[in-house]
N, C-alpha and C. Protein backbone atom coordinates (compact mmCIF):
# COMPACT_ATOMS: atom_id res chain seq x y z
N MET A 1 0.50 -1.03 -0.21
CA MET A 1 0.24 -0.20 -0.40
C MET A 1 0.84 1.33 -0.01
N LYS A 2 2.08 1.17 1.18
CA LYS A 2 2.02 2.80 0.88
C LYS A 2 3.62 2.38 -0.76
N GLN A 3 3.94 1.99 -0.83
CA GLN A 3 4.32 1.93 -2.25
C GLN A 3 3.40 1.92 -4.01
N GLN A 4 2.36 1.70 -3.14
CA GLN A 4 1.36 2.33 -4.46
C GLN A 4 1.16 4.00 -3.97
N TYR A 5 1.02 4.37 -2.89
CA TYR A 5 1.19 5.18 -2.59
C TYR A 5 2.00 6.54 -2.87
N LEU A 6 3.49 5.56 -2.65
CA LEU A 6 4.42 6.43 -3.20
C LEU A 6 4.13 6.01 -4.50
N ALA A 7 3.98 5.39 -5.52
CA ALA A 7 3.57 5.85 -6.80
C ALA A 7 3.60 6.76 -7.71
N ILE A 8 1.68 7.16 -6.62
CA ILE A 8 1.51 8.07 -7.34
C ILE A 8 2.15 9.25 -6.80
N VAL A 9 2.77 9.36 -5.61
CA VAL A 9 3.12 10.57 -5.17
C VAL A 9 4.19 11.31 -6.69
N ILE A 10 5.45 10.23 -7.20
CA ILE A 10 6.29 10.99 -7.64
C ILE A 10 5.52 10.36 -8.35
N ILE A 11 4.68 10.33 -9.40
CA ILE A 11 4.72 10.08 -10.68
C ILE A 11 3.08 11.67 -11.10
N GLY A 12 2.23 12.11 -9.87
CA GLY A 12 2.27 13.52 -10.18
C GLY A 12 2.56 14.08 -9.15
N ALA A 13 4.08 14.02 -8.68
CA ALA A 13 4.83 15.36 -8.97
C ALA A 13 5.90 15.50 -10.70
N MET A 14 6.12 13.68 -10.79
CA MET A 14 6.96 13.96 -12.56
C MET A 14 6.07 15.14 -13.31
N ALA A 15 4.14 14.72 -13.12
CA ALA A 15 3.21 15.57 -14.49
C ALA A 15 3.35 16.53 -13.94
N LEU A 16 3.99 16.72 -12.72
CA LEU A 16 3.10 18.61 -12.64
C LEU A 16 5.09 19.74 -12.90
N THR A 17 6.11 19.24 -13.36
CA THR A 17 7.20 19.50 -13.39
C THR A 17 7.19 20.41 -14.18
N PRO A 18 7.03 20.16 -14.74
CA PRO A 18 6.44 21.03 -17.15
C PRO A 18 6.33 21.87 -16.19
N ILE A 19 5.04 22.04 -15.20
CA ILE A 19 3.97 22.93 -15.47
C ILE A 19 5.48 24.48 -14.99
N ARG A 20 5.63 23.41 -14.03
CA ARG A 20 6.72 24.70 -12.96
C ARG A 20 6.91 24.74 -13.91
N SER A 21 8.03 24.53 -14.60
CA SER A 21 9.89 25.20 -15.19
C SER A 21 8.99 25.86 -16.31
N PHE A 22 7.98 26.20 -16.07
CA PHE A 22 7.16 27.72 -17.88
C PHE A 22 8.47 28.56 -17.10
N ALA A 23 8.34 29.67 -17.95
CA ALA A 23 8.79 31.29 -16.93
C ALA A 23 7.02 32.03 -16.42
N ARG A 24 7.62 33.10 -16.61
CA ARG A 24 6.67 34.01 -15.71
C ARG A 24 6.33 35.46 -15.69
N LEU A 25 5.41 35.52 -16.54
CA LEU A 25 5.65 37.52 -16.59
C LEU A 25 6.29 37.79 -15.05
N ASP A 26 6.52 38.91 -15.02
CA ASP A 26 7.06 39.49 -14.05
C ASP A 26 8.21 39.34 -13.77
N GLU A 27 8.92 37.99 -13.49
CA GLU A 27 10.58 37.35 -13.22
C GLU A 27 11.40 38.62 -13.55
N THR A 28 12.23 37.90 -13.23
CA THR A 28 14.11 38.84 -13.58
C THR A 28 14.84 38.03 -14.40
N GLU A 29 15.09 39.03 -14.61
CA GLU A 29 16.77 37.76 -15.87
C GLU A 29 16.92 36.67 -15.55
N ALA A 30 17.11 37.17 -14.07
CA ALA A 30 17.85 35.84 -12.99
C ALA A 30 17.47 34.22 -12.99
N GLN A 31 15.90 35.75 -12.48
CA GLN A 31 15.12 33.99 -12.05
C GLN A 31 14.97 32.45 -13.16
N CYS A 32 14.87 34.14 -14.34
CA CYS A 32 14.26 33.22 -15.46
C CYS A 32 16.14 32.45 -16.00
N GLU A 33 16.88 33.16 -15.82
CA GLU A 33 18.56 32.44 -16.11
C GLU A 33 18.22 30.64 -15.00
N GLN A 34 18.22 31.08 -14.14
CA GLN A 34 18.13 30.58 -12.78
C GLN A 34 17.43 29.50 -13.66
N ARG A 35 15.94 29.47 -14.13
CA ARG A 35 15.19 28.25 -14.43
C ARG A 35 15.26 27.44 -15.85
N TYR A 36 16.71 28.59 -16.08
CA TYR A 36 16.89 27.49 -17.88
C TYR A 36 17.53 27.99 -18.12
N GLY A 37 19.17 27.78 -17.41
CA GLY A 37 20.11 28.59 -17.89
C GLY A 37 20.81 29.78 -19.02
N LYS A 38 21.49 30.10 -19.03
CA LYS A 38 22.34 30.93 -19.65
C LYS A 38 20.73 31.29 -21.00
N PRO A 39 20.97 32.77 -21.06
CA PRO A 39 20.42 32.59 -22.75
C PRO A 39 21.13 32.43 -24.07
N GLN A 40 19.79 31.93 -25.33
CA GLN A 40 21.23 31.94 -26.95
C GLN A 40 21.78 33.27 -26.40
N ASN A 41 22.47 33.58 -27.31
CA ASN A 41 22.73 34.92 -28.54
C ASN A 41 23.04 34.34 -29.71
N LEU A 42 21.29 34.84 -29.74
CA LEU A 42 21.36 35.01 -30.42
C LEU A 42 20.47 36.10 -31.29
N LEU A 43 20.71 35.70 -33.20
CA LEU A 43 20.73 37.48 -33.97
C LEU A 43 19.44 37.88 -33.85
N SER A 44 18.20 37.01 -33.72
CA SER A 44 17.19 36.91 -33.80
C SER A 44 16.81 38.55 -32.62
N ASP A 45 17.01 38.09 -31.71
CA ASP A 45 16.41 39.20 -30.70
C ASP A 45 16.72 40.26 -30.74
N LYS A 46 17.53 41.13 -32.35
CA LYS A 46 17.97 41.78 -31.97
C LYS A 46 17.17 42.19 -33.21
N SER A 47 16.77 41.77 -34.51
CA SER A 47 17.00 40.92 -36.02
C SER A 47 14.74 41.15 -35.69
N PHE A 48 14.66 40.81 -34.81
CA PHE A 48 12.84 39.89 -34.47
C PHE A 48 12.59 40.23 -33.51
N PRO A 49 13.50 41.00 -32.91
CA PRO A 49 12.35 41.67 -31.37
C PRO A 49 10.98 40.61 -30.70
N VAL A 50 10.74 40.32 -29.56
CA VAL A 50 9.82 40.03 -29.03
C VAL A 50 8.90 41.19 -28.79
N LEU A 51 9.41 42.21 -28.57
CA LEU A 51 9.13 43.34 -28.38
C LEU A 51 10.15 44.91 -27.98
N SER A 52 10.44 45.26 -28.94
CA SER A 52 11.06 45.99 -29.72
C SER A 52 11.15 47.32 -28.58
N GLY A 53 12.26 47.23 -28.72
CA GLY A 53 12.01 48.72 -27.11
C GLY A 53 13.15 48.14 -25.86
N ALA A 54 12.51 46.81 -25.96
CA ALA A 54 12.60 46.04 -24.31
C ALA A 54 14.08 45.07 -24.96
N VAL A 55 14.57 44.45 -23.81
CA VAL A 55 15.74 43.42 -23.16
C VAL A 55 14.96 42.28 -24.27
N ASN A 56 15.66 41.38 -24.94
CA ASN A 56 14.99 39.80 -25.39
C ASN A 56 16.08 39.82 -25.26
N ARG A 57 15.79 38.22 -24.36
CA ARG A 57 16.79 36.99 -24.16
C ARG A 57 15.79 35.53 -24.22
N THR A 58 15.98 34.99 -25.59
CA THR A 58 16.44 33.13 -25.76
C THR A 58 16.45 32.08 -25.46
N TYR A 59 15.63 31.54 -24.48
CA TYR A 59 16.38 30.27 -24.44
C TYR A 59 15.94 29.60 -24.72
N GLN A 60 16.71 27.97 -24.51
CA GLN A 60 16.37 26.74 -25.07
C GLN A 60 16.64 26.20 -23.46
N TYR A 61 14.75 25.12 -23.73
CA TYR A 61 14.67 24.53 -22.40
C TYR A 61 13.59 23.57 -23.10
N GLN A 62 13.97 22.51 -22.80
CA GLN A 62 13.72 21.11 -22.49
C GLN A 62 12.89 21.50 -24.03
N GLY A 63 13.50 21.05 -25.50
CA GLY A 63 12.68 21.44 -26.57
C GLY A 63 11.62 21.76 -27.03
N TRP A 64 11.69 23.41 -26.05
CA TRP A 64 10.73 24.45 -26.26
C TRP A 64 11.75 25.73 -26.82
N CYS A 65 11.72 26.52 -27.53
CA CYS A 65 12.52 27.82 -27.57
C CYS A 65 11.37 29.34 -25.98
N ILE A 66 11.86 29.42 -25.23
CA ILE A 66 10.84 30.84 -24.94
C ILE A 66 11.36 32.23 -25.26
N MET A 67 10.57 33.06 -26.01
CA MET A 67 11.35 34.35 -25.91
C MET A 67 10.93 34.79 -24.80
N VAL A 68 11.92 35.75 -24.52
CA VAL A 68 10.99 36.89 -22.94
C VAL A 68 11.31 38.74 -22.99
N ALA A 69 10.16 39.62 -23.39
CA ALA A 69 10.89 40.44 -23.52
C ALA A 69 10.74 41.25 -21.64
N PHE A 70 12.26 42.25 -21.92
CA PHE A 70 12.17 42.35 -20.29
C PHE A 70 12.70 43.86 -20.56
N LEU A 71 10.87 44.18 -19.83
CA LEU A 71 11.22 46.17 -19.72
C LEU A 71 11.62 46.34 -17.90
N ASP A 72 12.32 47.38 -17.13
CA ASP A 72 12.59 47.24 -15.68
C ASP A 72 12.93 46.11 -15.63
N GLY A 73 12.91 44.78 -15.17
CA GLY A 73 14.68 44.35 -14.97
C GLY A 73 13.41 43.14 -15.47
N LYS A 74 11.96 43.52 -15.72
CA LYS A 74 10.90 42.31 -15.77
C LYS A 74 10.73 41.98 -16.43
N ALA A 75 9.35 40.30 -16.65
CA ALA A 75 9.77 40.00 -17.78
C ALA A 75 7.75 40.23 -17.70
N VAL A 76 7.63 40.64 -19.47
CA VAL A 76 6.37 41.42 -19.35
C VAL A 76 5.72 40.99 -20.93
N ILE A 77 6.48 40.30 -21.44
CA ILE A 77 6.24 39.08 -22.44
C ILE A 77 6.40 38.20 -23.42
N ILE A 78 6.07 36.56 -23.25
CA ILE A 78 7.05 35.50 -23.38
C ILE A 78 6.80 34.42 -24.03
N SER A 79 7.03 33.63 -25.25
CA SER A 79 6.80 33.10 -26.83
C SER A 79 6.53 32.06 -26.41
N TYR A 80 5.94 31.05 -26.14
CA TYR A 80 6.05 29.72 -26.06
C TYR A 80 5.90 29.44 -27.34
N SER A 81 6.98 28.42 -27.78
CA SER A 81 7.21 27.95 -29.26
C SER A 81 7.87 26.77 -28.42
N LYS A 82 7.92 25.51 -29.58
CA LYS A 82 8.47 24.12 -30.05
C LYS A 82 9.38 23.84 -31.01
N SER A 83 10.43 23.84 -30.29
CA SER A 83 10.84 23.00 -31.90
C SER A 83 11.11 22.57 -32.20
N ALA A 84 11.65 22.12 -34.04
CA ALA A 84 11.63 22.11 -34.79
C ALA A 84 11.35 20.77 -34.41
N LYS A 85 12.24 19.96 -34.52
CA LYS A 85 12.14 18.89 -33.88
C LYS A 85 11.41 18.02 -32.51
N ALA A 86 10.36 18.61 -32.34
CA ALA A 86 8.88 18.21 -30.66
C ALA A 86 9.09 17.30 -31.44
N PRO A 87 8.51 16.24 -30.35
CA PRO A 87 7.91 15.40 -30.99
C PRO A 87 6.67 15.19 -31.24
N GLY A 88 5.71 14.97 -32.41
CA GLY A 88 4.21 15.57 -32.51
C GLY A 88 4.39 16.93 -32.94
N GLY A 89 5.77 17.51 -33.68
CA GLY A 89 5.24 18.69 -34.08
C GLY A 89 5.30 19.62 -33.63
N ILE A 90 5.01 20.54 -34.19
CA ILE A 90 5.77 22.64 -33.64
C ILE A 90 4.08 22.64 -32.96
N THR A 91 2.88 22.45 -33.66
CA THR A 91 1.65 23.04 -33.07
C THR A 91 1.65 22.87 -31.33
N ILE A 92 0.71 23.88 -31.03
CA ILE A 92 0.58 23.55 -29.47
C ILE A 92 -0.49 23.40 -29.32
N ARG A 93 -0.70 22.21 -28.55
CA ARG A 93 -2.02 21.60 -28.59
C ARG A 93 -2.60 21.34 -27.41
N ASN A 94 -4.06 22.08 -26.79
CA ASN A 94 -4.27 22.37 -25.72
C ASN A 94 -3.59 21.50 -25.24
N ASP A 95 -3.66 20.79 -23.97
CA ASP A 95 -3.29 20.15 -22.98
C ASP A 95 -1.35 21.50 -22.46
N GLU A 96 -0.86 21.44 -23.41
CA GLU A 96 0.49 22.07 -23.69
C GLU A 96 0.42 23.74 -23.03
N ALA A 97 -1.07 24.40 -24.33
CA ALA A 97 -1.45 25.88 -23.60
C ALA A 97 -1.87 25.88 -22.53
N LYS A 98 -3.04 25.50 -22.26
CA LYS A 98 -3.54 24.10 -20.68
C LYS A 98 -2.32 24.30 -19.44
N ALA A 99 -1.80 24.03 -19.76
CA ALA A 99 0.08 24.25 -18.39
C ALA A 99 0.72 25.13 -19.09
N ILE A 100 0.43 25.84 -19.77
CA ILE A 100 1.61 27.26 -19.81
C ILE A 100 0.52 27.90 -19.32
N LEU A 101 -0.88 28.33 -19.64
CA LEU A 101 -1.88 29.63 -19.03
C LEU A 101 -1.95 29.19 -17.61
N ASP A 102 -2.48 28.04 -16.98
CA ASP A 102 -2.25 27.49 -16.02
C ASP A 102 -0.90 27.56 -14.67
N ALA A 103 0.44 28.08 -15.30
CA ALA A 103 1.57 28.55 -14.51
C ALA A 103 1.71 29.98 -14.58
N GLU A 104 1.17 31.46 -15.88
CA GLU A 104 0.75 32.44 -16.11
C GLU A 104 0.14 32.86 -15.91
N SER A 105 -0.44 31.93 -14.54
CA SER A 105 -1.65 32.85 -13.95
C SER A 105 -2.02 33.92 -13.03
N ASN A 106 -1.21 33.82 -12.45
CA ASN A 106 -0.70 34.78 -10.99
C ASN A 106 -2.00 35.66 -10.10
N GLY A 107 -2.05 33.51 -10.36
CA GLY A 107 -3.87 35.25 -9.46
C GLY A 107 -4.97 34.45 -10.06
N GLY A 108 -5.33 34.70 -11.63
CA GLY A 108 -5.60 35.16 -11.43
C GLY A 108 -6.83 33.30 -12.63
N GLU A 109 -7.33 34.49 -13.07
CA GLU A 109 -8.65 33.57 -14.84
C GLU A 109 -8.80 33.47 -15.49
N TRP A 110 -8.58 32.85 -16.60
CA TRP A 110 -7.85 32.81 -17.79
C TRP A 110 -9.91 32.70 -17.86
N LYS A 111 -10.19 33.46 -19.48
CA LYS A 111 -10.85 33.26 -19.92
C LYS A 111 -10.80 33.33 -21.44
N GLY A 112 -11.47 32.62 -22.23
CA GLY A 112 -10.65 32.36 -23.93
C GLY A 112 -12.32 32.61 -25.00
N SER A 113 -11.56 33.77 -25.97
CA SER A 113 -12.55 33.02 -26.96
C SER A 113 -11.18 33.32 -28.33
N ARG A 114 -12.58 33.28 -29.35
CA ARG A 114 -11.77 33.28 -30.79
C ARG A 114 -11.35 34.49 -30.97
N SER A 115 -11.23 35.21 -31.87
CA SER A 115 -10.24 36.33 -32.43
C SER A 115 -11.07 36.70 -33.95
N PHE A 116 -11.65 37.17 -34.01
CA PHE A 116 -12.34 37.89 -35.22
C PHE A 116 -12.03 39.42 -35.99
N ASN A 117 -11.00 39.88 -36.10
CA ASN A 117 -10.46 41.03 -36.42
C ASN A 117 -9.74 41.29 -37.05
N LEU A 118 -10.71 42.00 -37.63
CA LEU A 118 -10.73 41.88 -38.92
C LEU A 118 -9.51 43.45 -39.27
N PHE A 119 -9.26 44.15 -39.08
CA PHE A 119 -8.13 45.13 -38.69
C PHE A 119 -6.88 45.04 -37.95
N GLY A 120 -6.98 43.26 -37.07
CA GLY A 120 -5.44 43.74 -37.36
C GLY A 120 -4.98 42.28 -36.92
N PRO A 121 -3.91 41.98 -35.64
CA PRO A 121 -4.23 39.90 -36.29
C PRO A 121 -5.12 40.00 -35.80
N VAL A 122 -4.76 38.12 -36.58
CA VAL A 122 -5.82 37.11 -35.82
C VAL A 122 -5.41 35.94 -35.44
N HIS A 123 -5.56 36.09 -34.15
CA HIS A 123 -5.05 35.64 -33.26
C HIS A 123 -6.53 33.14 -33.75
N PRO A 124 -6.04 32.73 -33.80
CA PRO A 124 -7.13 31.40 -33.67
C PRO A 124 -7.53 30.70 -32.57
N LYS A 125 -6.83 31.83 -31.01
CA LYS A 125 -7.40 31.63 -30.15
C LYS A 125 -7.01 32.65 -28.83
N LYS A 126 -7.52 33.32 -28.20
CA LYS A 126 -7.48 34.12 -26.96
C LYS A 126 -7.90 34.61 -26.28
N TRP A 127 -7.14 35.07 -24.93
CA TRP A 127 -7.47 33.77 -23.63
C TRP A 127 -7.46 36.38 -22.84
N SER A 128 -8.34 35.74 -21.87
CA SER A 128 -7.86 37.59 -20.73
C SER A 128 -7.78 36.67 -19.85
N ASN A 129 -6.95 37.68 -18.40
CA ASN A 129 -7.07 37.13 -17.51
C ASN A 129 -7.28 38.44 -16.67
N THR A 130 -7.91 37.65 -15.76
CA THR A 130 -8.79 38.39 -14.03
C THR A 130 -7.61 39.61 -14.11
N ASN A 131 -6.10 39.42 -14.01
CA ASN A 131 -4.67 40.42 -13.97
C ASN A 131 -4.96 41.38 -14.90
N GLY A 132 -5.45 40.48 -15.66
CA GLY A 132 -5.05 41.87 -17.13
C GLY A 132 -4.02 41.83 -17.62
N SER A 133 -3.42 40.42 -17.49
CA SER A 133 -2.55 40.04 -18.75
C SER A 133 -4.04 38.82 -19.71
N ILE A 134 -2.94 39.05 -20.78
CA ILE A 134 -3.34 38.57 -22.17
C ILE A 134 -2.35 37.74 -22.90
N ALA A 135 -3.25 36.42 -23.41
CA ALA A 135 -3.07 35.13 -24.37
C ALA A 135 -2.98 35.52 -25.04
N TYR A 136 -2.47 34.14 -26.31
CA TYR A 136 -2.92 34.22 -28.06
C TYR A 136 -2.45 33.18 -28.69
N LEU A 137 -2.28 31.96 -29.22
CA LEU A 137 -2.03 31.32 -29.93
C LEU A 137 -1.92 31.95 -31.48
N VAL A 138 -0.21 32.50 -31.88
CA VAL A 138 0.01 32.57 -33.15
C VAL A 138 0.21 31.69 -34.63
N GLY A 139 -0.37 32.41 -34.82
CA GLY A 139 -1.16 31.59 -36.90
C GLY A 139 -2.49 30.94 -36.67
N ILE A 140 -2.40 29.52 -37.52
CA ILE A 140 -3.27 28.95 -38.49
C ILE A 140 -2.27 28.10 -38.27
N THR A 141 -0.80 27.73 -37.82
CA THR A 141 -0.36 26.27 -36.65
C THR A 141 -0.20 26.56 -36.09
N ARG A 142 -0.48 27.79 -35.01
CA ARG A 142 -0.85 27.49 -33.03
C ARG A 142 0.73 27.35 -33.04
N ALA A 143 1.50 27.55 -33.96
CA ALA A 143 3.36 27.93 -33.79
C ALA A 143 3.43 27.92 -32.12
N ALA A 144 3.35 29.48 -31.73
CA ALA A 144 3.16 29.72 -30.72
C ALA A 144 2.39 30.89 -29.51
N LEU A 145 1.82 30.13 -28.52
CA LEU A 145 1.67 30.91 -27.19
C LEU A 145 2.24 31.97 -27.09
N VAL A 146 1.28 33.04 -26.96
CA VAL A 146 2.29 34.24 -26.05
C VAL A 146 1.88 34.44 -25.79
N VAL A 147 2.56 35.55 -23.67
CA VAL A 147 1.77 35.93 -22.78
C VAL A 147 2.28 37.06 -23.13
N GLU A 148 0.78 38.31 -22.31
CA GLU A 148 1.33 39.65 -22.05
C GLU A 148 0.88 40.06 -20.91
N SER A 149 2.17 41.38 -20.03
CA SER A 149 1.94 41.43 -19.07
C SER A 149 0.97 42.73 -19.37
N PRO A 150 0.00 42.76 -18.26
CA PRO A 150 -0.53 44.55 -19.04
C PRO A 150 0.33 45.84 -19.33
N LYS A 151 1.50 45.92 -18.86
CA LYS A 151 2.94 46.57 -18.72
C LYS A 151 2.79 47.20 -20.42
N VAL A 152 2.70 45.70 -21.44
CA VAL A 152 2.40 45.67 -22.59
C VAL A 152 1.72 46.54 -23.28
N GLU A 153 0.49 46.80 -23.41
CA GLU A 153 -0.20 48.04 -23.98
C GLU A 153 0.19 49.04 -23.57
N GLU A 154 0.49 49.37 -22.32
CA GLU A 154 0.55 51.35 -21.81
C GLU A 154 2.51 51.39 -22.61
N PHE A 155 3.26 49.96 -22.42
CA PHE A 155 4.87 50.72 -22.95
C PHE A 155 4.78 50.84 -25.19
N ARG A 156 3.57 50.51 -25.03
CA ARG A 156 2.84 50.56 -26.59
C ARG A 156 2.74 51.42 -27.35
N LYS A 157 1.82 52.60 -25.91
CA LYS A 157 1.00 53.42 -26.44
C LYS A 157 1.72 54.47 -26.34
N THR A 158 3.18 54.55 -25.64
CA THR A 158 3.78 55.50 -25.19
C THR A 158 4.93 55.24 -26.21
N GLN A 159 5.48 53.81 -26.37
CA GLN A 159 6.38 54.48 -27.75
C GLN A 159 5.55 55.18 -29.40
N ALA A 160 4.22 54.47 -28.70
CA ALA A 160 4.07 55.80 -30.68
C ALA A 160 3.78 57.08 -30.14
N LYS A 161 3.52 56.80 -29.60
CA LYS A 161 3.06 58.94 -28.62
C LYS A 161 4.69 59.69 -28.73
N THR A 162 5.81 58.83 -28.74
CA THR A 162 7.20 59.54 -28.81
C THR A 162 7.55 58.97 -30.42
N THR A 163 6.90 57.73 -31.23
CA THR A 163 7.50 57.83 -31.87
C THR A 163 6.95 59.19 -33.08
N GLU A 164 5.45 59.64 -33.27
CA GLU A 164 4.60 59.99 -33.83
C GLU A 164 4.79 61.54 -32.92
N GLU A 165 5.30 61.82 -31.79
CA GLU A 165 5.77 64.06 -31.66
C GLU A 165 7.08 63.36 -32.42
N GLN A 166 8.57 62.56 -32.31
CA GLN A 166 9.94 62.99 -33.80
C GLN A 166 9.35 62.89 -34.12
N ARG A 167 8.42 62.53 -35.58
CA ARG A 167 7.69 62.38 -36.47
C ARG A 167 7.81 64.10 -37.32
N LYS A 168 6.99 64.28 -35.94
CA LYS A 168 6.14 65.86 -36.79
C LYS A 168 7.40 66.23 -35.55
N GLU A 169 8.36 67.03 -35.29
CA GLU A 169 9.83 67.41 -35.33
C GLU A 169 10.02 67.10 -36.48
N SER A 170 10.46 66.19 -36.59
CA SER A 170 10.77 66.16 -38.40
C SER A 170 11.14 67.25 -39.64
N ILE A 171 9.96 67.46 -39.46
CA ILE A 171 8.69 68.13 -40.00
C ILE A 171 10.02 69.25 -41.31
N PRO A 172 9.99 69.56 -42.12
CA PRO A 172 11.03 70.41 -42.00
C PRO A 172 10.12 72.03 -42.77
N LYS A 173 10.67 73.21 -41.86
CA LYS A 173 10.44 74.48 -41.92
C LYS A 173 10.33 74.80 -43.10
N PHE A 174 9.46 74.92 -44.19
CA PHE A 174 9.21 74.56 -45.30
C PHE A 174 9.31 76.96 -45.35
């Protein structure tokens, strides 16, 4: 009886391990490095950042590519995708998406919806959290799941305002 109980506890702990290994919004670079090891030094962090104007890092971890954007030293966007050699392909399946969302709930509750925006990016599945975070699958292949802190929207608005001000200031005085 004790052996069966011990086996159940061990299997349960193993099943929960991947959930605990995902990055978290608001973690520091040091916490992400402790979780995954050193970030990869990739040109894509500069050429194709998760968030322009932020510090971007890419980690490879157990068949997953985890791209993280940091503002003020805290993770504000995390993009999860599987490596090309992942068993079962690159598509993020429902149970994998659930594991990521559970890890990223941060005390809130996720509510899902389909995204049908004619003028913005179309995501096959989108979630909003009662804590203000959003998450969405990217592309029809569901190859990435992105989780964003509410701080990202503020940052993008500030960036857009600054860009517009710079554009207006650069108009020559004809």
